[in-house]
Amino acid sequence: MTPRDRAGKFLVIGENIHTTRTILRRGKLVTRAPSGEEAVGYTSAAGETRYLIIPEDIQARQDYQEGRVKHVLIAVRAALSGIEPAASAGLDYIGALVSRQVERRADYLDINVDEVSLRSSEQIDAMRRLTPIVEAISPVPLSIDSSSTAIIQAGLEACTGKAGRPLVNSASLDRGEALELAAARDLPVIVTAAGESGMPSNDTERVANASRMADAALAKGIPPGRIFIDALVFPISVDVQFGVHCLEAMRRLRERYGPEVHVTGGLSNVSFGLPARKLVNQTFIQLAAAHGADSGILDPVANDVAGALASDRTGRGYQLAEDMLLGRDPNCRSFLRAYRRGELSGADSG
């Protein structure tokens, strides 16, 4: 069964097996294990309540001291350590992540180990060892993700493709070697709108950069249906025009390349730094689809894509979020005012 067969026209690249992912120390997931140790509580794939112990070296990190717990990093390190009972707990936690994303109709599972270590040799080793672990329990293809082509290559070499061709995430003007890997192995690939020396500042730069990469992919014989164009989603809390830039780029790229290519992006990035993130993300998913996106790189557990695409567009919450995302609410003032007044009380504060 192909990804398109499973999820229709909107493909979800589940991003949760990613060592950058954090949860809040004061959030509902961080608790005490029966042993008394601080831990991440979770429900296993078998439906049992279990605990992932937060080790001392993680507790000494700056991100932990600032209130963030890199739970996937903990699980991956534990799983690869070979030291029991931590290794079994790490493997079980990864299995729970896989199960939850697949249940929420992820079409690919994105794997990224970049923060396992600062040493490239250790990152490569981690990707080489983690890939078969995840692939063995995943009924959907993997997305091999890294800022390093060498790490991507290690993941591809370790991947058998038992659930389908892995997705290369990603190739850009400053990392064209990743495109070579995809072409040589006849694999789908995400090409991004990143420039050769930095990020795009508007929709015109996005389209120019992404078009160069998409054209290069086509020239190498990669079929349009295996090309995912990432228009790059930035937080509107930084600049309220970022949403407009991305949406316009999606529209122009869809118009330029037609119906066969996939237009995608890290859609939930748009809401970083804002309250009521679920509402903002749902609204942006609808807007992105209306502007030509047929895919998203996101957490399908936190973001119900099917629900977002079918959600009511007439409610006040949606209208406030839409105005903000389309740049009609300077500095997000009206949206934030409504949130402070409790007018968005039904929305998830994320």
C-alpha atoms as a PDB file:
ATOM      1  CA  MET A   1       0.000   0.000   0.000  1.00  0.00           C
ATOM      2  CA  THR A   2       1.523   3.308  -1.034  1.00  0.00           C
ATOM      3  CA  PRO A   3       1.443   6.498   1.064  1.00  0.00           C
ATOM      4  CA  ARG A   4      -1.002   8.094  -1.374  1.00  0.00           C
ATOM      5  CA  ASP A   5      -3.325   5.073  -1.099  1.00  0.00           C
ATOM      6  CA  ARG A   6      -3.312   5.365   2.697  1.00  0.00           C
ATOM      7  CA  ALA A   7      -3.949   9.046   3.178  1.00  0.00           C
ATOM      8  CA  GLY A   8      -5.514  10.288  -0.012  1.00  0.00           C
ATOM      9  CA  LYS A   9      -4.233  13.570  -1.369  1.00  0.00           C
ATOM     10  CA  PHE A  10      -2.587  15.005   1.740  1.00  0.00           C
ATOM     11  CA  LEU A  11       0.567  13.173   2.798  1.00  0.00           C
ATOM     12  CA  VAL A  12       1.884  13.425   6.343  1.00  0.00           C
ATOM     13  CA  ILE A  13       5.593  13.150   7.105  1.00  0.00           C
ATOM     14  CA  GLY A  14       5.552  12.429  10.835  1.00  0.00           C
ATOM     15  CA  GLU A  15       8.424  14.273  12.477  1.00  0.00           C
ATOM     16  CA  ASN A  16       8.468  12.892  16.006  1.00  0.00           C
ATOM     17  CA  ILE A  17      11.486  10.540  15.964  1.00  0.00           C
ATOM     18  CA  HIS A  18      13.724  13.569  15.981  1.00  0.00           C
ATOM     19  CA  THR A  19      16.326  14.221  18.655  1.00  0.00           C
ATOM     20  CA  THR A  20      15.553  17.956  18.809  1.00  0.00           C
ATOM     21  CA  ARG A  21      12.012  17.347  20.085  1.00  0.00           C
ATOM     22  CA  THR A  22      11.231  18.704  23.541  1.00  0.00           C
ATOM     23  CA  ILE A  23       8.505  18.552  26.145  1.00  0.00           C
ATOM     24  CA  LEU A  24       8.088  20.884  29.111  1.00  0.00           C
ATOM     25  CA  ARG A  25       9.495  19.863  32.488  1.00  0.00           C
ATOM     26  CA  ARG A  26       6.396  21.312  34.090  1.00  0.00           C
ATOM     27  CA  GLY A  27       4.096  19.708  31.555  1.00  0.00           C
ATOM     28  CA  LYS A  28       1.818  16.760  32.206  1.00  0.00           C
ATOM     29  CA  LEU A  29       4.202  14.201  30.694  1.00  0.00           C
ATOM     30  CA  VAL A  30       7.089  14.706  33.123  1.00  0.00           C
ATOM     31  CA  THR A  31       6.421  12.908  36.377  1.00  0.00           C
ATOM     32  CA  ARG A  32       7.984  10.576  38.940  1.00  0.00           C
ATOM     33  CA  ALA A  33       8.551   6.901  38.226  1.00  0.00           C
ATOM     34  CA  PRO A  34       7.644   4.373  40.953  1.00  0.00           C
ATOM     35  CA  SER A  35      11.364   4.401  41.795  1.00  0.00           C
ATOM     36  CA  GLY A  36      11.084   8.106  42.645  1.00  0.00           C
ATOM     37  CA  GLU A  37      13.248   9.214  39.698  1.00  0.00           C
ATOM     38  CA  GLU A  38      12.118  12.002  37.400  1.00  0.00           C
ATOM     39  CA  ALA A  39      10.803  10.454  34.217  1.00  0.00           C
ATOM     40  CA  VAL A  40       8.681  10.895  31.127  1.00  0.00           C
ATOM     41  CA  GLY A  41       5.444   9.008  31.580  1.00  0.00           C
ATOM     42  CA  TYR A  42       3.925   7.440  28.488  1.00  0.00           C
ATOM     43  CA  THR A  43       1.609   4.750  27.208  1.00  0.00           C
ATOM     44  CA  SER A  44       3.411   1.900  25.474  1.00  0.00           C
ATOM     45  CA  ALA A  45       2.321   0.395  22.156  1.00  0.00           C
ATOM     46  CA  ALA A  46       0.741  -2.372  24.256  1.00  0.00           C
ATOM     47  CA  GLY A  47      -1.333   0.201  26.159  1.00  0.00           C
ATOM     48  CA  GLU A  48       0.603   0.028  29.433  1.00  0.00           C
ATOM     49  CA  THR A  49       1.744   2.996  31.523  1.00  0.00           C
ATOM     50  CA  ARG A  50       5.532   3.140  31.524  1.00  0.00           C
ATOM     51  CA  TYR A  51       8.330   5.537  32.397  1.00  0.00           C
ATOM     52  CA  LEU A  52      11.421   6.784  30.571  1.00  0.00           C
ATOM     53  CA  ILE A  53      13.927   7.848  33.223  1.00  0.00           C
ATOM     54  CA  ILE A  54      15.585  11.237  32.665  1.00  0.00           C
ATOM     55  CA  PRO A  55      19.307  10.552  33.215  1.00  0.00           C
ATOM     56  CA  GLU A  56      21.640  12.807  35.173  1.00  0.00           C
ATOM     57  CA  ASP A  57      23.606  13.970  32.122  1.00  0.00           C
ATOM     58  CA  ILE A  58      20.380  15.259  30.545  1.00  0.00           C
ATOM     59  CA  GLN A  59      19.436  17.003  33.798  1.00  0.00           C
ATOM     60  CA  ALA A  60      22.767  18.843  33.684  1.00  0.00           C
ATOM     61  CA  ARG A  61      22.058  20.305  30.239  1.00  0.00           C
ATOM     62  CA  GLN A  62      21.098  23.932  29.705  1.00  0.00           C
ATOM     63  CA  ASP A  63      17.860  23.100  27.895  1.00  0.00           C
ATOM     64  CA  TYR A  64      16.757  20.992  30.877  1.00  0.00           C
ATOM     65  CA  GLN A  65      17.621  23.793  33.299  1.00  0.00           C
ATOM     66  CA  GLU A  66      15.528  26.136  31.137  1.00  0.00           C
ATOM     67  CA  GLY A  67      12.555  23.803  31.454  1.00  0.00           C
ATOM     68  CA  ARG A  68      12.753  21.629  28.331  1.00  0.00           C
ATOM     69  CA  VAL A  69      13.302  17.874  28.172  1.00  0.00           C
ATOM     70  CA  LYS A  70      14.636  16.334  24.952  1.00  0.00           C
ATOM     71  CA  HIS A  71      12.680  13.125  25.363  1.00  0.00           C
ATOM     72  CA  VAL A  72      13.495  11.574  21.983  1.00  0.00           C
ATOM     73  CA  LEU A  73      17.204  12.192  22.544  1.00  0.00           C
ATOM     74  CA  ILE A  74      16.916  10.353  25.877  1.00  0.00           C
ATOM     75  CA  ALA A  75      15.150   7.407  24.239  1.00  0.00           C
ATOM     76  CA  VAL A  76      17.566   7.119  21.311  1.00  0.00           C
ATOM     77  CA  ARG A  77      20.672   7.289  23.505  1.00  0.00           C
ATOM     78  CA  ALA A  78      19.199   4.719  25.875  1.00  0.00           C
ATOM     79  CA  ALA A  79      18.125   2.379  23.081  1.00  0.00           C
ATOM     80  CA  LEU A  80      21.569   2.424  21.486  1.00  0.00           C
ATOM     81  CA  SER A  81      23.472   2.148  24.767  1.00  0.00           C
ATOM     82  CA  GLY A  82      23.017  -1.593  25.226  1.00  0.00           C
ATOM     83  CA  ILE A  83      22.778  -0.999  28.982  1.00  0.00           C
ATOM     84  CA  GLU A  84      19.729  -2.496  30.658  1.00  0.00           C
ATOM     85  CA  PRO A  85      17.103  -1.639  31.735  1.00  0.00           C
ATOM     86  CA  ALA A  86      17.604   1.725  29.995  1.00  0.00           C
ATOM     87  CA  ALA A  87      18.050   0.169  26.533  1.00  0.00           C
ATOM     88  CA  SER A  88      14.738  -1.711  26.677  1.00  0.00           C
ATOM     89  CA  ALA A  89      12.972   1.382  27.976  1.00  0.00           C
ATOM     90  CA  GLY A  90      14.387   3.471  25.123  1.00  0.00           C
ATOM     91  CA  LEU A  91      13.326   0.903  22.533  1.00  0.00           C
ATOM     92  CA  ASP A  92       9.854   0.722  24.042  1.00  0.00           C
ATOM     93  CA  TYR A  93       9.516   4.516  23.998  1.00  0.00           C
ATOM     94  CA  ILE A  94      10.543   4.667  20.331  1.00  0.00           C
ATOM     95  CA  GLY A  95       8.016   1.929  19.590  1.00  0.00           C
ATOM     96  CA  ALA A  96       5.310   4.004  21.270  1.00  0.00           C
ATOM     97  CA  LEU A  97       6.222   7.029  19.133  1.00  0.00           C
ATOM     98  CA  VAL A  98       6.019   4.919  15.977  1.00  0.00           C
ATOM     99  CA  SER A  99       2.685   3.398  16.976  1.00  0.00           C
ATOM    100  CA  ARG A 100       1.041   6.726  17.793  1.00  0.00           C
ATOM    101  CA  GLN A 101       2.137   8.401  14.567  1.00  0.00           C
ATOM    102  CA  VAL A 102       1.020   5.494  12.404  1.00  0.00           C
ATOM    103  CA  GLU A 103      -2.339   5.416  14.181  1.00  0.00           C
ATOM    104  CA  ARG A 104      -2.746   9.088  13.285  1.00  0.00           C
ATOM    105  CA  ARG A 105      -2.083   8.269   9.624  1.00  0.00           C
ATOM    106  CA  ALA A 106       1.529   9.308   9.151  1.00  0.00           C
ATOM    107  CA  ASP A 107       2.661   8.295   5.675  1.00  0.00           C
ATOM    108  CA  TYR A 108       6.380   8.552   6.422  1.00  0.00           C
ATOM    109  CA  LEU A 109       8.270   8.505   9.718  1.00  0.00           C
ATOM    110  CA  ASP A 110      11.030  11.100   9.854  1.00  0.00           C
ATOM    111  CA  ILE A 111      14.233  10.075  11.656  1.00  0.00           C
ATOM    112  CA  ASN A 112      16.825  12.634  12.724  1.00  0.00           C
ATOM    113  CA  VAL A 113      19.731  11.928  15.108  1.00  0.00           C
ATOM    114  CA  ASP A 114      21.718  15.137  14.663  1.00  0.00           C
ATOM    115  CA  GLU A 115      21.678  16.000  18.377  1.00  0.00           C
ATOM    116  CA  VAL A 116      22.836  12.601  19.596  1.00  0.00           C
ATOM    117  CA  SER A 117      26.377  13.951  19.588  1.00  0.00           C
ATOM    118  CA  LEU A 118      28.535  16.807  18.352  1.00  0.00           C
ATOM    119  CA  ARG A 119      30.839  14.267  16.676  1.00  0.00           C
ATOM    120  CA  SER A 120      29.889  13.382  13.100  1.00  0.00           C
ATOM    121  CA  SER A 121      31.210   9.823  13.484  1.00  0.00           C
ATOM    122  CA  GLU A 122      28.848   9.231  16.405  1.00  0.00           C
ATOM    123  CA  GLN A 123      25.928  10.797  14.545  1.00  0.00           C
ATOM    124  CA  ILE A 124      26.574   8.543  11.558  1.00  0.00           C
ATOM    125  CA  ASP A 125      26.802   5.493  13.809  1.00  0.00           C
ATOM    126  CA  ALA A 126      23.549   6.428  15.551  1.00  0.00           C
ATOM    127  CA  MET A 127      21.694   6.805  12.260  1.00  0.00           C
ATOM    128  CA  ARG A 128      23.109   3.532  10.971  1.00  0.00           C
ATOM    129  CA  ARG A 129      21.938   1.697  14.088  1.00  0.00           C
ATOM    130  CA  LEU A 130      18.598   3.449  14.676  1.00  0.00           C
ATOM    131  CA  THR A 131      17.286   3.113  11.116  1.00  0.00           C
ATOM    132  CA  PRO A 132      16.854  -0.695  11.153  1.00  0.00           C
ATOM    133  CA  ILE A 133      15.332  -0.523  14.635  1.00  0.00           C
ATOM    134  CA  VAL A 134      12.582   1.835  13.494  1.00  0.00           C
ATOM    135  CA  GLU A 135      12.150   0.165  10.126  1.00  0.00           C
ATOM    136  CA  ALA A 136      11.576  -3.206  11.789  1.00  0.00           C
ATOM    137  CA  ILE A 137       8.471  -1.910  13.589  1.00  0.00           C
ATOM    138  CA  SER A 138       7.160   0.640  11.074  1.00  0.00           C
ATOM    139  CA  PRO A 139       4.479  -0.271   8.513  1.00  0.00           C
ATOM    140  CA  VAL A 140       5.188   2.968   6.619  1.00  0.00           C
ATOM    141  CA  PRO A 141       8.370   4.153   4.854  1.00  0.00           C
ATOM    142  CA  LEU A 142      11.029   6.158   6.623  1.00  0.00           C
ATOM    143  CA  SER A 143      12.154   9.714   5.944  1.00  0.00           C
ATOM    144  CA  ILE A 144      15.911   9.932   6.492  1.00  0.00           C
ATOM    145  CA  ASP A 145      16.572  13.436   7.766  1.00  0.00           C
ATOM    146  CA  SER A 146      19.755  15.321   8.607  1.00  0.00           C
ATOM    147  CA  SER A 147      21.679  18.511   7.997  1.00  0.00           C
ATOM    148  CA  SER A 148      24.568  16.253   6.915  1.00  0.00           C
ATOM    149  CA  THR A 149      24.629  14.313   3.660  1.00  0.00           C
ATOM    150  CA  ALA A 150      26.939  11.739   5.232  1.00  0.00           C
ATOM    151  CA  ILE A 151      24.356  11.000   7.930  1.00  0.00           C
ATOM    152  CA  ILE A 152      21.583  10.708   5.331  1.00  0.00           C
ATOM    153  CA  GLN A 153      23.748   8.296   3.345  1.00  0.00           C
ATOM    154  CA  ALA A 154      24.305   6.166   6.440  1.00  0.00           C
ATOM    155  CA  GLY A 155      20.556   5.955   7.004  1.00  0.00           C
ATOM    156  CA  LEU A 156      19.838   5.040   3.402  1.00  0.00           C
ATOM    157  CA  GLU A 157      22.493   2.338   3.441  1.00  0.00           C
ATOM    158  CA  ALA A 158      20.936   0.834   6.576  1.00  0.00           C
ATOM    159  CA  CYS A 159      17.395   0.987   5.198  1.00  0.00           C
ATOM    160  CA  THR A 160      15.955  -2.058   3.399  1.00  0.00           C
ATOM    161  CA  GLY A 161      12.841  -0.275   2.168  1.00  0.00           C
ATOM    162  CA  LYS A 162      10.586  -3.067   3.424  1.00  0.00           C
ATOM    163  CA  ALA A 163       7.616  -0.689   3.807  1.00  0.00           C
ATOM    164  CA  GLY A 164       8.428   1.346   0.697  1.00  0.00           C
ATOM    165  CA  ARG A 165      11.138   3.595  -0.665  1.00  0.00           C
ATOM    166  CA  PRO A 166      12.636   5.860   2.024  1.00  0.00           C
ATOM    167  CA  LEU A 167      12.330   9.602   1.557  1.00  0.00           C
ATOM    168  CA  VAL A 168      15.493  11.729   1.442  1.00  0.00           C
ATOM    169  CA  ASN A 169      15.070  14.782   3.692  1.00  0.00           C
ATOM    170  CA  SER A 170      16.456  17.007   2.334  1.00  0.00           C
ATOM    171  CA  ALA A 171      18.336  18.515  -0.609  1.00  0.00           C
ATOM    172  CA  SER A 172      18.983  22.224  -1.054  1.00  0.00           C
ATOM    173  CA  LEU A 173      21.231  24.587  -2.982  1.00  0.00           C
ATOM    174  CA  ASP A 174      23.864  24.329  -0.258  1.00  0.00           C
ATOM    175  CA  ARG A 175      23.533  20.534  -0.053  1.00  0.00           C
ATOM    176  CA  GLY A 176      23.139  19.212  -3.565  1.00  0.00           C
ATOM    177  CA  GLU A 177      24.820  15.901  -2.720  1.00  0.00           C
ATOM    178  CA  ALA A 178      21.589  14.731  -1.121  1.00  0.00           C
ATOM    179  CA  LEU A 179      19.896  15.046  -4.494  1.00  0.00           C
ATOM    180  CA  GLU A 180      22.572  12.797  -5.970  1.00  0.00           C
ATOM    181  CA  LEU A 181      21.815  10.178  -3.300  1.00  0.00           C
ATOM    182  CA  ALA A 182      18.106  10.223  -4.171  1.00  0.00           C
ATOM    183  CA  ALA A 183      18.696  10.045  -7.915  1.00  0.00           C
ATOM    184  CA  ALA A 184      21.222   7.217  -7.652  1.00  0.00           C
ATOM    185  CA  ARG A 185      18.826   5.116  -5.556  1.00  0.00           C
ATOM    186  CA  ASP A 186      15.599   6.056  -7.355  1.00  0.00           C
ATOM    187  CA  LEU A 187      14.138   7.560  -4.182  1.00  0.00           C
ATOM    188  CA  PRO A 188      11.646  10.338  -3.405  1.00  0.00           C
ATOM    189  CA  VAL A 189      13.282  13.512  -2.141  1.00  0.00           C
ATOM    190  CA  ILE A 190      12.399  16.734  -0.357  1.00  0.00           C
ATOM    191  CA  VAL A 191      13.973  19.757  -2.028  1.00  0.00           C
ATOM    192  CA  THR A 192      13.904  22.974  -0.059  1.00  0.00           C
ATOM    193  CA  ALA A 193      13.745  26.688  -0.765  1.00  0.00           C
ATOM    194  CA  ALA A 194      16.902  27.378   1.253  1.00  0.00           C
ATOM    195  CA  GLY A 195      19.499  29.494  -0.518  1.00  0.00           C
ATOM    196  CA  GLU A 196      23.174  28.811  -1.035  1.00  0.00           C
ATOM    197  CA  SER A 197      24.153  31.073   1.844  1.00  0.00           C
ATOM    198  CA  GLY A 198      21.010  31.543   3.913  1.00  0.00           C
ATOM    199  CA  MET A 199      17.251  31.399   4.234  1.00  0.00           C
ATOM    200  CA  PRO A 200      14.887  33.146   1.784  1.00  0.00           C
ATOM    201  CA  SER A 201      13.394  36.454   2.891  1.00  0.00           C
ATOM    202  CA  ASN A 202      10.229  36.445   0.770  1.00  0.00           C
ATOM    203  CA  ASP A 203       8.127  34.364  -1.602  1.00  0.00           C
ATOM    204  CA  THR A 204      10.145  35.355  -4.681  1.00  0.00           C
ATOM    205  CA  GLU A 205      13.379  34.002  -3.184  1.00  0.00           C
ATOM    206  CA  ARG A 206      11.583  30.849  -2.059  1.00  0.00           C
ATOM    207  CA  VAL A 207      10.259  30.182  -5.534  1.00  0.00           C
ATOM    208  CA  ALA A 208      13.601  30.918  -7.203  1.00  0.00           C
ATOM    209  CA  ASN A 209      15.576  28.647  -4.862  1.00  0.00           C
ATOM    210  CA  ALA A 210      13.050  25.816  -4.814  1.00  0.00           C
ATOM    211  CA  SER A 211      12.652  25.946  -8.591  1.00  0.00           C
ATOM    212  CA  ARG A 212      16.368  25.492  -9.120  1.00  0.00           C
ATOM    213  CA  MET A 213      16.279  22.392  -6.948  1.00  0.00           C
ATOM    214  CA  ALA A 214      13.096  20.981  -8.478  1.00  0.00           C
ATOM    215  CA  ASP A 215      14.463  21.530 -11.973  1.00  0.00           C
ATOM    216  CA  ALA A 216      17.704  19.807 -10.985  1.00  0.00           C
ATOM    217  CA  ALA A 217      15.737  16.833  -9.614  1.00  0.00           C
ATOM    218  CA  LEU A 218      13.742  16.552 -12.827  1.00  0.00           C
ATOM    219  CA  ALA A 219      16.934  16.799 -14.896  1.00  0.00           C
ATOM    220  CA  LYS A 220      18.364  13.853 -12.942  1.00  0.00           C
ATOM    221  CA  GLY A 221      15.359  11.745 -13.903  1.00  0.00           C
ATOM    222  CA  ILE A 222      13.464  11.886 -10.617  1.00  0.00           C
ATOM    223  CA  PRO A 223       9.760  11.692 -11.535  1.00  0.00           C
ATOM    224  CA  PRO A 224       7.572  14.643 -10.469  1.00  0.00           C
ATOM    225  CA  GLY A 225       5.546  12.395  -8.166  1.00  0.00           C
ATOM    226  CA  ARG A 226       8.656  11.680  -6.095  1.00  0.00           C
ATOM    227  CA  ILE A 227       9.613  15.323  -5.615  1.00  0.00           C
ATOM    228  CA  PHE A 228       8.473  17.120  -2.463  1.00  0.00           C
ATOM    229  CA  ILE A 229       9.065  20.882  -2.543  1.00  0.00           C
ATOM    230  CA  ASP A 230       9.477  22.417   0.908  1.00  0.00           C
ATOM    231  CA  ALA A 231       8.521  26.097   0.752  1.00  0.00           C
ATOM    232  CA  LEU A 232       9.958  26.645   4.269  1.00  0.00           C
ATOM    233  CA  VAL A 233       7.611  27.720   7.047  1.00  0.00           C
ATOM    234  CA  PHE A 234       8.913  30.278   9.565  1.00  0.00           C
ATOM    235  CA  PRO A 235       7.197  31.473  12.779  1.00  0.00           C
ATOM    236  CA  ILE A 236       4.892  34.437  12.324  1.00  0.00           C
ATOM    237  CA  SER A 237       5.683  35.480  15.882  1.00  0.00           C
ATOM    238  CA  VAL A 238       8.985  36.712  14.413  1.00  0.00           C
ATOM    239  CA  ASP A 239       7.458  38.423  11.380  1.00  0.00           C
ATOM    240  CA  VAL A 240       3.735  38.401  10.655  1.00  0.00           C
ATOM    241  CA  GLN A 241       4.451  38.354   6.903  1.00  0.00           C
ATOM    242  CA  PHE A 242       6.225  34.984   7.064  1.00  0.00           C
ATOM    243  CA  GLY A 243       2.948  33.114   6.638  1.00  0.00           C
ATOM    244  CA  VAL A 244       2.028  35.146   3.571  1.00  0.00           C
ATOM    245  CA  HIS A 245       5.455  34.592   2.011  1.00  0.00           C
ATOM    246  CA  CYS A 246       5.217  30.830   2.428  1.00  0.00           C
ATOM    247  CA  LEU A 247       1.620  30.526   1.215  1.00  0.00           C
ATOM    248  CA  GLU A 248       2.298  32.632  -1.860  1.00  0.00           C
ATOM    249  CA  ALA A 249       5.365  30.532  -2.636  1.00  0.00           C
ATOM    250  CA  MET A 250       3.260  27.372  -2.342  1.00  0.00           C
ATOM    251  CA  ARG A 251       0.712  28.795  -4.751  1.00  0.00           C
ATOM    252  CA  ARG A 252       3.342  29.796  -7.287  1.00  0.00           C
ATOM    253  CA  LEU A 253       5.216  26.504  -7.058  1.00  0.00           C
ATOM    254  CA  ARG A 254       2.023  24.510  -7.550  1.00  0.00           C
ATOM    255  CA  GLU A 255       1.144  26.665 -10.530  1.00  0.00           C
ATOM    256  CA  ARG A 256       4.611  26.218 -12.002  1.00  0.00           C
ATOM    257  CA  TYR A 257       5.023  22.456 -11.543  1.00  0.00           C
ATOM    258  CA  GLY A 258       1.456  21.229 -11.870  1.00  0.00           C
ATOM    259  CA  PRO A 259      -0.436  18.523  -9.977  1.00  0.00           C
ATOM    260  CA  GLU A 260       2.135  15.723  -9.854  1.00  0.00           C
ATOM    261  CA  VAL A 261       4.806  17.183  -7.567  1.00  0.00           C
ATOM    262  CA  HIS A 262       4.222  17.422  -3.842  1.00  0.00           C
ATOM    263  CA  VAL A 263       4.259  20.804  -2.130  1.00  0.00           C
ATOM    264  CA  THR A 264       5.069  20.550   1.564  1.00  0.00           C
ATOM    265  CA  GLY A 265       6.593  22.269   4.586  1.00  0.00           C
ATOM    266  CA  GLY A 266       6.964  22.100   8.350  1.00  0.00           C
ATOM    267  CA  LEU A 267       3.467  23.484   8.799  1.00  0.00           C
ATOM    268  CA  SER A 268       3.427  23.620  12.603  1.00  0.00           C
ATOM    269  CA  ASN A 269       6.542  25.835  12.601  1.00  0.00           C
ATOM    270  CA  VAL A 270       4.255  28.761  11.839  1.00  0.00           C
ATOM    271  CA  SER A 271       2.865  28.867  15.389  1.00  0.00           C
ATOM    272  CA  PHE A 272       6.094  28.807  17.417  1.00  0.00           C
ATOM    273  CA  GLY A 273       5.974  31.443  20.133  1.00  0.00           C
ATOM    274  CA  LEU A 274       2.203  31.857  20.041  1.00  0.00           C
ATOM    275  CA  PRO A 275      -0.612  30.650  22.319  1.00  0.00           C
ATOM    276  CA  ALA A 276      -3.452  28.465  21.014  1.00  0.00           C
ATOM    277  CA  ARG A 277      -1.025  26.677  18.713  1.00  0.00           C
ATOM    278  CA  LYS A 278      -3.501  23.958  17.769  1.00  0.00           C
ATOM    279  CA  LEU A 279      -5.923  26.546  16.409  1.00  0.00           C
ATOM    280  CA  VAL A 280      -3.167  28.375  14.518  1.00  0.00           C
ATOM    281  CA  ASN A 281      -1.814  25.128  13.046  1.00  0.00           C
ATOM    282  CA  GLN A 282      -5.247  23.884  11.974  1.00  0.00           C
ATOM    283  CA  THR A 283      -5.943  27.174  10.258  1.00  0.00           C
ATOM    284  CA  PHE A 284      -2.571  27.186   8.514  1.00  0.00           C
ATOM    285  CA  ILE A 285      -3.041  23.603   7.315  1.00  0.00           C
ATOM    286  CA  GLN A 286      -6.295  24.674   5.660  1.00  0.00           C
ATOM    287  CA  LEU A 287      -4.669  27.738   4.122  1.00  0.00           C
ATOM    288  CA  ALA A 288      -1.664  25.751   2.919  1.00  0.00           C
ATOM    289  CA  ALA A 289      -3.918  23.181   1.237  1.00  0.00           C
ATOM    290  CA  ALA A 290      -5.889  25.989  -0.413  1.00  0.00           C
ATOM    291  CA  HIS A 291      -2.600  27.407  -1.749  1.00  0.00           C
ATOM    292  CA  GLY A 292      -1.436  24.139  -3.268  1.00  0.00           C
ATOM    293  CA  ALA A 293       0.151  22.095  -0.473  1.00  0.00           C
ATOM    294  CA  ASP A 294      -0.664  18.383  -0.529  1.00  0.00           C
ATOM    295  CA  SER A 295       1.754  17.376   2.204  1.00  0.00           C
ATOM    296  CA  GLY A 296       2.988  18.464   5.608  1.00  0.00           C
ATOM    297  CA  ILE A 297       6.005  17.730   7.789  1.00  0.00           C
ATOM    298  CA  LEU A 298       4.447  17.710  11.254  1.00  0.00           C
ATOM    299  CA  ASP A 299       3.471  15.723  14.312  1.00  0.00           C
ATOM    300  CA  PRO A 300       0.193  13.985  13.370  1.00  0.00           C
ATOM    301  CA  VAL A 301      -0.541  13.266  17.037  1.00  0.00           C
ATOM    302  CA  ALA A 302      -0.585  16.966  17.949  1.00  0.00           C
ATOM    303  CA  ASN A 303      -2.080  18.055  14.618  1.00  0.00           C
ATOM    304  CA  ASP A 304      -5.175  16.321  13.266  1.00  0.00           C
ATOM    305  CA  VAL A 305      -4.747  16.978   9.557  1.00  0.00           C
ATOM    306  CA  ALA A 306      -8.058  15.457   8.477  1.00  0.00           C
ATOM    307  CA  GLY A 307      -9.859  17.449  11.154  1.00  0.00           C
ATOM    308  CA  ALA A 308      -8.042  20.610  10.175  1.00  0.00           C
ATOM    309  CA  LEU A 309      -8.976  20.248   6.519  1.00  0.00           C
ATOM    310  CA  ALA A 310     -12.622  19.724   7.449  1.00  0.00           C
ATOM    311  CA  SER A 311     -12.827  22.346  10.207  1.00  0.00           C
ATOM    312  CA  ASP A 312     -15.320  25.209  10.246  1.00  0.00           C
ATOM    313  CA  ARG A 313     -13.926  28.365   8.662  1.00  0.00           C
ATOM    314  CA  THR A 314     -16.693  30.644   9.923  1.00  0.00           C
ATOM    315  CA  GLY A 315     -15.931  30.656  13.642  1.00  0.00           C
ATOM    316  CA  ARG A 316     -14.346  33.644  15.353  1.00  0.00           C
ATOM    317  CA  GLY A 317     -11.233  31.692  16.334  1.00  0.00           C
ATOM    318  CA  TYR A 318     -10.593  30.632  12.776  1.00  0.00           C
ATOM    319  CA  GLN A 319     -11.178  34.132  11.449  1.00  0.00           C
ATOM    320  CA  LEU A 320      -8.771  35.663  13.967  1.00  0.00           C
ATOM    321  CA  ALA A 321      -6.120  33.061  13.154  1.00  0.00           C
ATOM    322  CA  GLU A 322      -6.633  33.500   9.410  1.00  0.00           C
ATOM    323  CA  ASP A 323      -6.295  37.268   9.645  1.00  0.00           C
ATOM    324  CA  MET A 324      -3.057  36.818  11.549  1.00  0.00           C
ATOM    325  CA  LEU A 325      -1.642  34.204   9.156  1.00  0.00           C
ATOM    326  CA  LEU A 326      -2.525  36.297   6.122  1.00  0.00           C
ATOM    327  CA  GLY A 327      -0.789  39.350   7.525  1.00  0.00           C
ATOM    328  CA  ARG A 328      -3.966  41.297   8.235  1.00  0.00           C
ATOM    329  CA  ASP A 329      -3.331  41.493  11.990  1.00  0.00           C
ATOM    330  CA  PRO A 330      -0.202  43.634  12.592  1.00  0.00           C
ATOM    331  CA  ASN A 331       2.048  42.145  15.287  1.00  0.00           C
ATOM    332  CA  CYS A 332      -0.683  39.543  15.975  1.00  0.00           C
ATOM    333  CA  ARG A 333      -2.374  42.136  18.213  1.00  0.00           C
ATOM    334  CA  SER A 334      -6.017  41.185  17.703  1.00  0.00           C
ATOM    335  CA  PHE A 335      -5.312  37.481  18.068  1.00  0.00           C
ATOM    336  CA  LEU A 336      -3.295  37.936  21.266  1.00  0.00           C
ATOM    337  CA  ARG A 337      -5.883  40.344  22.697  1.00  0.00           C
ATOM    338  CA  ALA A 338      -8.630  37.790  22.062  1.00  0.00           C
ATOM    339  CA  TYR A 339      -6.549  35.073  23.695  1.00  0.00           C
ATOM    340  CA  ARG A 340      -5.912  37.173  26.808  1.00  0.00           C
ATOM    341  CA  ARG A 341      -9.629  37.945  27.072  1.00  0.00           C
ATOM    342  CA  GLY A 342     -10.452  34.231  26.995  1.00  0.00           C
ATOM    343  CA  GLU A 343     -12.194  34.418  23.636  1.00  0.00           C
ATOM    344  CA  LEU A 344     -10.110  31.474  22.403  1.00  0.00           C
ATOM    345  CA  SER A 345     -10.696  29.409  25.539  1.00  0.00           C
ATOM    346  CA  GLY A 346     -11.829  26.426  23.494  1.00  0.00           C
ATOM    347  CA  ALA A 347      -8.523  26.346  21.617  1.00  0.00           C
ATOM    348  CA  ASP A 348      -5.573  24.273  22.704  1.00  0.00           C
ATOM    349  CA  SER A 349      -2.930  26.593  24.104  1.00  0.00           C
ATOM    350  CA  GLY A 350      -0.218  24.224  22.804  1.00  0.00           C
END
